C-alpha atoms as a PDB file:
ATOM      1  CA  MET A   1     -13.741  36.674-122.564  1.00  0.00           C
ATOM      2  CA  ALA A   2     -13.348  34.519-125.653  1.00  0.00           C
ATOM      3  CA  GLU A   3     -10.478  34.836-127.905  1.00  0.00           C
ATOM      4  CA  LYS A   4     -10.885  37.423-130.856  1.00  0.00           C
ATOM      5  CA  LYS A   5     -10.464  36.008-134.278  1.00  0.00           C
ATOM      6  CA  ILE A   6      -9.654  37.068-137.625  1.00  0.00           C
ATOM      7  CA  LEU A   7     -12.180  35.222-139.868  1.00  0.00           C
ATOM      8  CA  ARG A   8     -11.534  33.782-143.429  1.00  0.00           C
ATOM      9  CA  PRO A   9     -14.454  33.014-145.851  1.00  0.00           C
ATOM     10  CA  ALA A  10     -15.728  29.394-146.042  1.00  0.00           C
ATOM     11  CA  THR A  11     -14.763  27.642-149.252  1.00  0.00           C
ATOM     12  CA  THR A  12     -17.917  25.518-149.795  1.00  0.00           C
ATOM     13  CA  ILE A  13     -21.544  26.183-149.654  1.00  0.00           C
ATOM     14  CA  CYS A  14     -21.985  23.780-146.589  1.00  0.00           C
ATOM     15  CA  GLN A  15     -19.197  22.019-144.974  1.00  0.00           C
ATOM     16  CA  THR A  16     -19.402  18.090-145.335  1.00  0.00           C
ATOM     17  CA  GLN A  17     -18.023  17.576-141.834  1.00  0.00           C
ATOM     18  CA  ALA A  18     -20.626  19.674-140.260  1.00  0.00           C
ATOM     19  CA  VAL A  19     -23.386  17.685-141.961  1.00  0.00           C
ATOM     20  CA  ILE A  20     -21.633  14.462-140.600  1.00  0.00           C
ATOM     21  CA  ASP A  21     -21.465  15.853-137.183  1.00  0.00           C
ATOM     22  CA  LEU A  22     -25.086  16.980-137.092  1.00  0.00           C
ATOM     23  CA  GLY A  23     -26.116  13.423-137.991  1.00  0.00           C
ATOM     24  CA  GLY A  24     -26.750  14.147-141.725  1.00  0.00           C
ATOM     25  CA  ASP A  25     -29.039  17.107-140.868  1.00  0.00           C
ATOM     26  CA  TYR A  26     -28.326  19.177-144.042  1.00  0.00           C
ATOM     27  CA  GLY A  27     -30.729  21.788-143.074  1.00  0.00           C
ATOM     28  CA  ALA A  28     -29.099  22.481-139.792  1.00  0.00           C
ATOM     29  CA  ALA A  29     -25.733  22.758-141.622  1.00  0.00           C
ATOM     30  CA  VAL A  30     -27.365  25.227-144.102  1.00  0.00           C
ATOM     31  CA  VAL A  31     -28.442  27.493-141.102  1.00  0.00           C
ATOM     32  CA  LEU A  32     -25.021  27.168-139.652  1.00  0.00           C
ATOM     33  CA  GLU A  33     -23.487  28.244-142.951  1.00  0.00           C
ATOM     34  CA  GLY A  34     -25.772  31.245-143.187  1.00  0.00           C
ATOM     35  CA  ILE A  35     -24.810  32.290-139.644  1.00  0.00           C
ATOM     36  CA  ALA A  36     -21.136  31.771-140.351  1.00  0.00           C
ATOM     37  CA  ARG A  37     -21.291  33.940-143.508  1.00  0.00           C
ATOM     38  CA  GLY A  38     -23.104  36.835-141.476  1.00  0.00           C
ATOM     39  CA  CYS A  39     -20.454  36.795-138.966  1.00  0.00           C
ATOM     40  CA  MET A  40     -17.722  36.725-141.489  1.00  0.00           C
ATOM     41  CA  ARG A  41     -19.213  39.880-143.213  1.00  0.00           C
ATOM     42  CA  HIS A  42     -19.206  41.666-139.987  1.00  0.00           C
ATOM     43  CA  ALA A  43     -15.765  40.494-139.160  1.00  0.00           C
ATOM     44  CA  SER A  44     -14.498  41.954-142.415  1.00  0.00           C
ATOM     45  CA  GLU A  45     -16.227  45.095-141.737  1.00  0.00           C
ATOM     46  CA  GLY A  46     -15.168  45.371-138.078  1.00  0.00           C
ATOM     47  CA  THR A  47     -18.751  45.741-136.937  1.00  0.00           C
ATOM     48  CA  HIS A  48     -21.023  43.993-134.398  1.00  0.00           C
ATOM     49  CA  GLU A  49     -18.169  42.814-132.139  1.00  0.00           C
ATOM     50  CA  HIS A  50     -19.370  41.996-128.572  1.00  0.00           C
ATOM     51  CA  ASP A  51     -17.732  39.919-125.908  1.00  0.00           C
ATOM     52  CA  GLY A  52     -14.816  38.917-128.167  1.00  0.00           C
ATOM     53  CA  ARG A  53     -16.925  37.568-131.033  1.00  0.00           C
ATOM     54  CA  TYR A  54     -18.558  38.885-134.309  1.00  0.00           C
ATOM     55  CA  TRP A  55     -22.268  38.552-134.294  1.00  0.00           C
ATOM     56  CA  MET A  56     -25.062  38.541-136.893  1.00  0.00           C
ATOM     57  CA  TYR A  57     -28.734  39.148-136.122  1.00  0.00           C
ATOM     58  CA  GLN A  58     -31.769  37.885-137.697  1.00  0.00           C
ATOM     59  CA  THR A  59     -35.192  36.391-136.915  1.00  0.00           C
ATOM     60  CA  CYS A  60     -36.087  32.908-137.688  1.00  0.00           C
ATOM     61  CA  LYS A  61     -38.785  34.120-140.039  1.00  0.00           C
ATOM     62  CA  GLY A  62     -36.236  36.412-141.788  1.00  0.00           C
ATOM     63  CA  MET A  63     -33.821  33.229-142.247  1.00  0.00           C
ATOM     64  CA  ALA A  64     -36.678  31.076-143.555  1.00  0.00           C
ATOM     65  CA  GLU A  65     -37.555  33.947-146.124  1.00  0.00           C
ATOM     66  CA  TYR A  66     -33.892  33.987-147.113  1.00  0.00           C
ATOM     67  CA  TYR A  67     -33.384  30.326-147.604  1.00  0.00           C
ATOM     68  CA  GLY A  68     -36.707  29.812-149.217  1.00  0.00           C
ATOM     69  CA  THR A  69     -36.889  26.140-148.551  1.00  0.00           C
ATOM     70  CA  MET A  70     -37.647  25.880-144.886  1.00  0.00           C
ATOM     71  CA  SER A  71     -40.405  27.195-142.865  1.00  0.00           C
ATOM     72  CA  GLU A  72     -40.108  29.559-139.952  1.00  0.00           C
ATOM     73  CA  ASP A  73     -40.774  26.561-137.450  1.00  0.00           C
ATOM     74  CA  ALA A  74     -38.111  24.432-139.290  1.00  0.00           C
ATOM     75  CA  VAL A  75     -35.549  27.144-139.002  1.00  0.00           C
ATOM     76  CA  HIS A  76     -36.352  27.501-135.334  1.00  0.00           C
ATOM     77  CA  ARG A  77     -35.750  23.695-134.791  1.00  0.00           C
ATOM     78  CA  LYS A  78     -32.469  23.950-136.680  1.00  0.00           C
ATOM     79  CA  VAL A  79     -31.244  26.920-134.426  1.00  0.00           C
ATOM     80  CA  GLN A  80     -32.166  24.933-131.289  1.00  0.00           C
ATOM     81  CA  LYS A  81     -30.150  21.991-132.522  1.00  0.00           C
ATOM     82  CA  LEU A  82     -27.021  24.184-133.290  1.00  0.00           C
ATOM     83  CA  LEU A  83     -27.351  25.794-129.807  1.00  0.00           C
ATOM     84  CA  LYS A  84     -27.673  22.253-128.331  1.00  0.00           C
ATOM     85  CA  GLU A  85     -24.595  20.945-130.285  1.00  0.00           C
ATOM     86  CA  GLY A  86     -22.524  23.919-128.960  1.00  0.00           C
ATOM     87  CA  MET A  87     -21.940  25.195-132.465  1.00  0.00           C
ATOM     88  CA  ILE A  88     -23.440  28.632-132.031  1.00  0.00           C
ATOM     89  CA  VAL A  89     -24.401  30.912-129.073  1.00  0.00           C
ATOM     90  CA  ARG A  90     -27.333  33.318-128.791  1.00  0.00           C
ATOM     91  CA  GLY A  91     -27.274  36.926-127.485  1.00  0.00           C
ATOM     92  CA  ASN A  92     -29.318  40.200-127.396  1.00  0.00           C
ATOM     93  CA  PHE A  93     -27.532  43.322-128.323  1.00  0.00           C
ATOM     94  CA  ASN A  94     -30.409  45.316-129.437  1.00  0.00           C
ATOM     95  CA  LYS A  95     -30.425  49.046-128.591  1.00  0.00           C
ATOM     96  CA  ILE A  96     -34.211  49.073-128.338  1.00  0.00           C
ATOM     97  CA  GLY A  97     -35.652  47.309-125.287  1.00  0.00           C
ATOM     98  CA  PHE A  98     -38.818  45.729-127.125  1.00  0.00           C
ATOM     99  CA  ASP A  99     -36.565  44.442-130.116  1.00  0.00           C
ATOM    100  CA  ARG A 100     -36.364  40.864-129.578  1.00  0.00           C
ATOM    101  CA  THR A 101     -34.333  39.920-132.624  1.00  0.00           C
ATOM    102  CA  SER A 102     -31.860  37.283-131.687  1.00  0.00           C
ATOM    103  CA  TRP A 103     -28.199  37.648-132.260  1.00  0.00           C
ATOM    104  CA  TYR A 104     -25.999  34.623-133.178  1.00  0.00           C
ATOM    105  CA  ALA A 105     -22.254  33.997-133.105  1.00  0.00           C
ATOM    106  CA  LEU A 106     -20.265  30.814-133.784  1.00  0.00           C
ATOM    107  CA  THR A 107     -18.430  29.025-131.087  1.00  0.00           C
ATOM    108  CA  ASP A 108     -14.938  27.736-131.473  1.00  0.00           C
ATOM    109  CA  ARG A 109     -16.437  24.397-132.545  1.00  0.00           C
ATOM    110  CA  GLY A 110     -18.595  26.219-135.101  1.00  0.00           C
ATOM    111  CA  TRP A 111     -15.690  28.015-136.528  1.00  0.00           C
ATOM    112  CA  SER A 112     -13.624  24.783-136.680  1.00  0.00           C
ATOM    113  CA  TYR A 113     -15.523  24.080-139.974  1.00  0.00           C
ATOM    114  CA  TYR A 114     -14.576  27.267-141.532  1.00  0.00           C
ATOM    115  CA  THR A 115     -11.413  29.004-140.154  1.00  0.00           C
ATOM    116  CA  THR A 116      -8.583  28.637-137.752  1.00  0.00           C
ATOM    117  CA  PRO A 117      -8.749  31.104-134.898  1.00  0.00           C
ATOM    118  CA  GLU A 118      -5.943  33.771-134.806  1.00  0.00           C
ATOM    119  CA  PRO A 119      -5.536  36.672-132.478  1.00  0.00           C
ATOM    120  CA  LEU A 120      -7.145  39.768-133.639  1.00  0.00           C
ATOM    121  CA  PRO A 121      -4.510  42.577-133.505  1.00  0.00           C
ATOM    122  CA  LYS A 122      -5.418  45.576-131.501  1.00  0.00           C
ATOM    123  CA  PRO A 123      -4.643  48.867-133.228  1.00  0.00           C
ATOM    124  CA  THR A 124      -2.089  51.098-131.360  1.00  0.00           C
ATOM    125  CA  LYS A 125      -2.320  54.707-130.833  1.00  0.00           C
ATOM    126  CA  GLU A 126       0.331  55.207-133.548  1.00  0.00           C
ATOM    127  CA  ASP A 127      -1.702  52.997-135.905  1.00  0.00           C
ATOM    128  CA  ARG A 128      -4.856  55.061-135.445  1.00  0.00           C
ATOM    129  CA  GLN A 129      -2.951  58.450-135.865  1.00  0.00           C
ATOM    130  CA  ARG A 130      -1.350  56.917-139.123  1.00  0.00           C
ATOM    131  CA  GLU A 131      -4.738  56.148-140.457  1.00  0.00           C
ATOM    132  CA  LYS A 132      -5.948  59.687-139.710  1.00  0.00           C
ATOM    133  CA  ASP A 133      -2.970  61.135-141.465  1.00  0.00           C
ATOM    134  CA  GLU A 134      -3.509  58.879-144.573  1.00  0.00           C
ATOM    135  CA  ALA A 135      -7.159  59.796-144.692  1.00  0.00           C
ATOM    136  CA  ARG A 136      -6.317  63.537-144.553  1.00  0.00           C
ATOM    137  CA  LYS A 137      -3.722  63.141-147.294  1.00  0.00           C
ATOM    138  CA  ARG A 138      -6.158  61.306-149.443  1.00  0.00           C
ATOM    139  CA  LYS A 139      -8.759  64.007-148.897  1.00  0.00           C
ATOM    140  CA  GLN A 140      -6.250  66.688-149.665  1.00  0.00           C
ATOM    141  CA  LYS A 141      -5.239  64.943-152.950  1.00  0.00           C
ATOM    142  CA  GLU A 142      -8.789  64.606-153.969  1.00  0.00           C
ATOM    143  CA  ASN A 143      -9.665  68.221-153.261  1.00  0.00           C
ATOM    144  CA  ALA A 144      -6.371  69.186-155.238  1.00  0.00           C
ATOM    145  CA  ALA A 145      -7.374  67.099-158.193  1.00  0.00           C
ATOM    146  CA  LEU A 146     -10.829  68.660-158.083  1.00  0.00           C
ATOM    147  CA  ALA A 147      -9.413  72.065-157.987  1.00  0.00           C
ATOM    148  CA  ASP A 148      -7.099  71.230-160.925  1.00  0.00           C
ATOM    149  CA  SER A 149     -10.073  70.002-162.943  1.00  0.00           C
ATOM    150  CA  VAL A 150     -12.151  73.094-162.291  1.00  0.00           C
ATOM    151  CA  GLN A 151      -9.168  75.347-163.086  1.00  0.00           C
ATOM    152  CA  GLU A 152      -8.702  73.521-166.354  1.00  0.00           C
ATOM    153  CA  ASP A 153     -12.407  74.075-167.329  1.00  0.00           C
ATOM    154  CA  VAL A 154     -12.158  77.696-166.456  1.00  0.00           C
ATOM    155  CA  GLN A 155      -8.958  78.044-168.557  1.00  0.00           C
ATOM    156  CA  SER A 156     -10.633  76.300-171.507  1.00  0.00           C
ATOM    157  CA  ILE A 157     -13.385  78.942-171.443  1.00  0.00           C
ATOM    158  CA  ILE A 158     -10.967  81.858-171.211  1.00  0.00           C
ATOM    159  CA  ASP A 159      -9.087  80.191-174.242  1.00  0.00           C
ATOM    160  CA  ALA A 160     -12.331  79.904-176.221  1.00  0.00           C
ATOM    161  CA  TRP A 161     -13.302  83.693-175.391  1.00  0.00           C
ATOM    162  CA  ASN A 162      -9.910  84.816-176.751  1.00  0.00           C
ATOM    163  CA  ALA A 163      -9.969  82.478-179.674  1.00  0.00           C
ATOM    164  CA  ALA A 164     -13.505  83.760-180.665  1.00  0.00           C
ATOM    165  CA  GLY A 165     -11.982  87.317-181.172  1.00  0.00           C
ATOM    166  CA  LEU A 166     -13.754  88.903-178.311  1.00  0.00           C
ATOM    167  CA  PRO A 167     -12.024  91.555-176.261  1.00  0.00           C
ATOM    168  CA  ARG A 168      -9.153  89.440-174.699  1.00  0.00           C
ATOM    169  CA  ILE A 169      -8.992  88.331-171.295  1.00  0.00           C
ATOM    170  CA  LEU A 170      -5.509  89.260-170.446  1.00  0.00           C
ATOM    171  CA  LYS A 171      -5.470  88.147-166.751  1.00  0.00           C
ATOM    172  CA  ALA A 172      -7.301  85.581-164.842  1.00  0.00           C
ATOM    173  CA  THR A 173      -8.012  87.460-161.745  1.00  0.00           C
ATOM    174  CA  ARG A 174      -9.617  85.812-158.738  1.00  0.00           C
ATOM    175  CA  ALA A 175     -12.966  87.605-159.526  1.00  0.00           C
ATOM    176  CA  ARG A 176     -13.112  86.358-163.119  1.00  0.00           C
ATOM    177  CA  VAL A 177     -12.155  82.864-162.119  1.00  0.00           C
ATOM    178  CA  ASP A 178     -14.783  82.708-159.471  1.00  0.00           C
ATOM    179  CA  PHE A 179     -17.321  84.032-161.786  1.00  0.00           C
ATOM    180  CA  LEU A 180     -16.464  81.647-164.651  1.00  0.00           C
ATOM    181  CA  ARG A 181     -16.408  78.741-162.128  1.00  0.00           C
ATOM    182  CA  GLN A 182     -19.956  79.529-161.026  1.00  0.00           C
ATOM    183  CA  ALA A 183     -21.049  80.007-164.624  1.00  0.00           C
ATOM    184  CA  LEU A 184     -19.702  76.482-165.393  1.00  0.00           C
ATOM    185  CA  GLU A 185     -21.682  75.116-162.551  1.00  0.00           C
ATOM    186  CA  THR A 186     -24.853  76.874-163.707  1.00  0.00           C
ATOM    187  CA  TYR A 187     -24.653  76.520-167.637  1.00  0.00           C
ATOM    188  CA  GLY A 188     -21.955  73.927-168.065  1.00  0.00           C
ATOM    189  CA  ARG A 189     -19.116  74.136-170.514  1.00  0.00           C
ATOM    190  CA  GLU A 190     -21.145  73.664-173.586  1.00  0.00           C
ATOM    191  CA  GLY A 191     -23.507  76.318-172.614  1.00  0.00           C
ATOM    192  CA  LEU A 192     -20.869  78.815-172.075  1.00  0.00           C
ATOM    193  CA  GLU A 193     -19.196  77.992-175.522  1.00  0.00           C
ATOM    194  CA  GLN A 194     -22.647  78.446-177.089  1.00  0.00           C
ATOM    195  CA  ALA A 195     -22.879  81.862-175.439  1.00  0.00           C
ATOM    196  CA  ILE A 196     -19.335  82.770-176.519  1.00  0.00           C
ATOM    197  CA  GLU A 197     -20.134  81.876-180.210  1.00  0.00           C
ATOM    198  CA  HIS A 198     -23.242  83.922-180.241  1.00  0.00           C
ATOM    199  CA  TRP A 199     -21.481  86.935-178.805  1.00  0.00           C
ATOM    200  CA  SER A 200     -18.667  86.634-181.441  1.00  0.00           C
ATOM    201  CA  THR A 201     -20.998  86.169-184.358  1.00  0.00           C
ATOM    202  CA  ASP A 202     -23.841  88.741-183.351  1.00  0.00           C
ATOM    203  CA  ASP A 203     -23.392  92.203-184.863  1.00  0.00           C
ATOM    204  CA  PHE A 204     -24.695  93.761-181.774  1.00  0.00           C
ATOM    205  CA  TYR A 205     -21.780  92.487-179.575  1.00  0.00           C
ATOM    206  CA  ARG A 206     -19.043  92.013-182.177  1.00  0.00           C
ATOM    207  CA  GLY A 207     -16.771  95.109-182.177  1.00  0.00           C
ATOM    208  CA  ALA A 208     -18.742  96.895-179.664  1.00  0.00           C
ATOM    209  CA  GLU A 209     -16.358  99.046-177.522  1.00  0.00           C
ATOM    210  CA  TRP A 210     -18.408  98.567-174.264  1.00  0.00           C
ATOM    211  CA  PHE A 211     -18.662  94.663-174.594  1.00  0.00           C
ATOM    212  CA  SER A 212     -16.246  92.694-172.414  1.00  0.00           C
ATOM    213  CA  LEU A 213     -16.077  89.932-169.796  1.00  0.00           C
ATOM    214  CA  SER A 214     -16.355  92.629-167.264  1.00  0.00           C
ATOM    215  CA  TRP A 215     -19.595  93.852-168.790  1.00  0.00           C
ATOM    216  CA  VAL A 216     -20.985  90.168-168.781  1.00  0.00           C
ATOM    217  CA  MET A 217     -20.144  89.959-165.057  1.00  0.00           C
ATOM    218  CA  SER A 218     -21.625  93.304-164.189  1.00  0.00           C
ATOM    219  CA  ARG A 219     -24.836  92.830-166.029  1.00  0.00           C
ATOM    220  CA  GLU A 220     -27.392  90.532-164.318  1.00  0.00           C
ATOM    221  CA  THR A 221     -29.895  90.830-167.222  1.00  0.00           C
ATOM    222  CA  ASP A 222     -29.635  91.197-171.115  1.00  0.00           C
ATOM    223  CA  PRO A 223     -30.088  95.048-171.791  1.00  0.00           C
ATOM    224  CA  VAL A 224     -31.196  94.211-175.230  1.00  0.00           C
ATOM    225  CA  SER A 225     -34.169  91.985-174.574  1.00  0.00           C
ATOM    226  CA  LYS A 226     -35.126  93.681-171.292  1.00  0.00           C
ATOM    227  CA  SER A 227     -36.639  90.451-170.464  1.00  0.00           C
ATOM    228  CA  GLY A 228     -34.992  89.851-167.107  1.00  0.00           C
ATOM    229  CA  VAL A 229     -33.226  86.919-168.501  1.00  0.00           C
ATOM    230  CA  PRO A 230     -29.485  86.629-167.384  1.00  0.00           C
ATOM    231  CA  ALA A 231     -27.165  87.693-170.153  1.00  0.00           C
ATOM    232  CA  ILE A 232     -25.525  84.408-170.468  1.00  0.00           C
ATOM    233  CA  ALA A 233     -28.954  82.473-170.563  1.00  0.00           C
ATOM    234  CA  ALA A 234     -30.276  85.001-173.165  1.00  0.00           C
ATOM    235  CA  ALA A 235     -27.035  84.335-175.374  1.00  0.00           C
ATOM    236  CA  ILE A 236     -27.516  80.566-175.067  1.00  0.00           C
ATOM    237  CA  GLU A 237     -31.201  80.897-175.820  1.00  0.00           C
ATOM    238  CA  ALA A 238     -30.273  83.073-179.022  1.00  0.00           C
ATOM    239  CA  ALA A 239     -27.701  80.496-179.960  1.00  0.00           C
ATOM    240  CA  ASP A 240     -30.216  77.647-179.813  1.00  0.00           C
ATOM    241  CA  LYS A 241     -32.694  79.729-182.049  1.00  0.00           C
ATOM    242  CA  ASP A 242     -29.952  80.351-184.559  1.00  0.00           C
ATOM    243  CA  SER A 243     -28.926  76.767-184.686  1.00  0.00           C
ATOM    244  CA  LYS A 244     -32.492  75.544-185.147  1.00  0.00           C
ATOM    245  CA  ARG A 245     -33.066  78.233-187.851  1.00  0.00           C
ATOM    246  CA  ASN A 246     -29.839  76.893-189.551  1.00  0.00           C
ATOM    247  CA  THR A 247     -30.593  73.240-189.439  1.00  0.00           C
ATOM    248  CA  ASP A 248     -34.331  73.237-190.061  1.00  0.00           C
ATOM    249  CA  THR A 249     -35.522  72.638-193.586  1.00  0.00           C
ATOM    250  CA  PRO A 250     -36.174  76.120-194.929  1.00  0.00           C
ATOM    251  CA  THR A 251     -39.835  77.009-195.829  1.00  0.00           C
ATOM    252  CA  ARG A 252     -40.997  79.919-197.756  1.00  0.00           C
ATOM    253  CA  PRO A 253     -44.020  81.185-195.861  1.00  0.00           C
ATOM    254  CA  THR A 254     -43.771  84.672-197.051  1.00  0.00           C
ATOM    255  CA  ASP A 255     -43.172  83.807-200.718  1.00  0.00           C
ATOM    256  CA  LYS A 256     -46.931  83.555-201.302  1.00  0.00           C
ATOM    257  CA  ASP A 257     -47.665  86.782-199.429  1.00  0.00           C
ATOM    258  CA  PRO A 258     -44.589  89.163-199.085  1.00  0.00           C
ATOM    259  CA  ASP A 259     -46.922  91.833-197.556  1.00  0.00           C
ATOM    260  CA  LYS A 260     -46.909  89.773-194.319  1.00  0.00           C
ATOM    261  CA  VAL A 261     -43.247  90.486-193.619  1.00  0.00           C
ATOM    262  CA  THR A 262     -43.140  92.597-190.420  1.00  0.00           C
ATOM    263  CA  GLU A 263     -40.920  95.633-189.840  1.00  0.00           C
ATOM    264  CA  VAL A 264     -38.769  93.632-187.487  1.00  0.00           C
ATOM    265  CA  THR A 265     -38.266  90.830-189.957  1.00  0.00           C
ATOM    266  CA  ALA A 266     -37.683  93.314-192.698  1.00  0.00           C
ATOM    267  CA  GLN A 267     -34.923  95.004-190.575  1.00  0.00           C
ATOM    268  CA  ARG A 268     -33.400  91.635-189.991  1.00  0.00           C
ATOM    269  CA  ILE A 269     -33.394  90.812-193.521  1.00  0.00           C
ATOM    270  CA  ARG A 270     -31.758  94.074-194.458  1.00  0.00           C
ATOM    271  CA  GLU A 271     -28.997  93.371-191.875  1.00  0.00           C
ATOM    272  CA  THR A 272     -28.503  90.014-193.360  1.00  0.00           C
ATOM    273  CA  LEU A 273     -28.125  91.306-196.829  1.00  0.00           C
ATOM    274  CA  GLU A 274     -25.552  93.901-195.587  1.00  0.00           C
ATOM    275  CA  ARG A 275     -23.692  91.158-193.706  1.00  0.00           C
ATOM    276  CA  LEU A 276     -23.530  89.078-196.814  1.00  0.00           C
ATOM    277  CA  HIS A 277     -22.573  92.233-198.856  1.00  0.00           C
ATOM    278  CA  ILE A 278     -25.499  91.801-201.193  1.00  0.00           C
ATOM    279  CA  LEU A 279     -26.485  95.181-199.839  1.00  0.00           C
ATOM    280  CA  ASP A 280     -23.642  97.628-199.375  1.00  0.00           C
ATOM    281  CA  ASP A 281     -23.993 101.395-198.560  1.00  0.00           C
ATOM    282  CA  GLY A 282     -27.665 100.992-199.630  1.00  0.00           C
ATOM    283  CA  GLU A 283     -26.736  99.658-203.164  1.00  0.00           C
ATOM    284  CA  PHE A 284     -28.272  96.286-204.003  1.00  0.00           C
ATOM    285  CA  PHE A 285     -25.905  93.936-206.182  1.00  0.00           C
ATOM    286  CA  PRO A 286     -27.879  91.366-208.124  1.00  0.00           C
ATOM    287  CA  ASP A 287     -24.911  89.224-209.113  1.00  0.00           C
ATOM    288  CA  ARG A 288     -24.195  88.716-205.263  1.00  0.00           C
ATOM    289  CA  TRP A 289     -27.899  88.123-204.719  1.00  0.00           C
ATOM    290  CA  GLU A 290     -27.952  85.503-207.444  1.00  0.00           C
ATOM    291  CA  ALA A 291     -24.907  83.668-205.915  1.00  0.00           C
ATOM    292  CA  GLN A 292     -26.084  83.751-202.247  1.00  0.00           C
ATOM    293  CA  GLN A 293     -29.999  83.569-202.636  1.00  0.00           C
ATOM    294  CA  ASP A 294     -30.184  80.188-201.230  1.00  0.00           C
ATOM    295  CA  HIS A 295     -28.384  81.200-197.940  1.00  0.00           C
ATOM    296  CA  PRO A 296     -30.659  79.811-195.043  1.00  0.00           C
ATOM    297  CA  ASP A 297     -31.135  83.194-193.393  1.00  0.00           C
ATOM    298  CA  ILE A 298     -32.636  84.752-196.651  1.00  0.00           C
ATOM    299  CA  ALA A 299     -33.857  81.871-198.634  1.00  0.00           C
ATOM    300  CA  PRO A 300     -37.398  81.809-197.178  1.00  0.00           C
ATOM    301  CA  TYR A 301     -37.687  85.545-198.306  1.00  0.00           C
ATOM    302  CA  LYS A 302     -36.766  85.374-201.940  1.00  0.00           C
ATOM    303  CA  THR A 303     -39.979  86.711-203.239  1.00  0.00           C
ATOM    304  CA  TYR A 304     -39.871  89.730-200.634  1.00  0.00           C
ATOM    305  CA  ILE A 305     -36.246  90.517-201.478  1.00  0.00           C
ATOM    306  CA  THR A 306     -36.846  90.226-205.239  1.00  0.00           C
ATOM    307  CA  ARG A 307     -39.766  92.586-205.010  1.00  0.00           C
ATOM    308  CA  THR A 308     -38.355  94.945-202.609  1.00  0.00           C
ATOM    309  CA  TYR A 309     -34.714  95.394-203.701  1.00  0.00           C
ATOM    310  CA  CYS A 310     -34.433  93.867-207.393  1.00  0.00           C
ATOM    311  CA  THR A 311     -37.315  95.789-208.497  1.00  0.00           C
ATOM    312  CA  THR A 312     -35.917  99.095-207.230  1.00  0.00           C
ATOM    313  CA  THR A 313     -32.632  98.325-208.917  1.00  0.00           C
ATOM    314  CA  ASP A 314     -34.239  97.697-212.228  1.00  0.00           C
ATOM    315  CA  LYS A 315     -36.207 101.005-211.849  1.00  0.00           C
ATOM    316  CA  GLN A 316     -32.806 102.783-211.308  1.00  0.00           C
END
């Protein structure tokens, strides 16, 4: 069996001495260089080792396509010349019987243009065990880092929840952590923060005795919409709508015809006026209305509000 070798990369595209020894046949030297580089790659990866050599495999057609300057027949002639000169050997280590792709390895003479042969150390039992232990430690470290990262994200959501003034999460139980971790995977950190902001600013949830993280965990759907949409998804959707309503350029579609304001819209306008303290215990305050009438939530309904509330106040 030939001596195993550690292989070092060639330092030039084509060794000058190889060209000289091949009688000036630069094409044959190029093919030798390609075979050498293929064997070097497999040697560095520790693959395709047979009979004490590292091999590369390729058809003459494939090599011709790779080089781009020689035909398949020309490559075949160069390979035959290298075989005759004793610079390469040919083998067949294909796993499929009908696969006739040739395998090539450099002989000691072929390697003499690129590297000095050195014994390839055989790993001991202790070496293999050490590699397994190191791989296991690396995996454990990666898993620990991932767990820390997930834990930090969960804690950031708990902090955001508590900072928003919602019923405080006093203890990060296993069930709560698992729930928030799954929610992070489903909605992302930004999505959960949107939901928290919505719950903390929406009058329906804010201050409600029944609302808590446990309620969110126990309710699979939003009881308000009764649409079958998960509670967090419904909150994110509502937050998106609020954001769009606040950022869009206000229009005044009802200014031209206040009679088209629906009962639902009228109720929302009333709730907004109460939230802004323009309407307090049923009493409308014109001075507060004058100061806040350009608020984006009520600006589109100036005509309706003026007719509905200001007129009533004037009559009183």
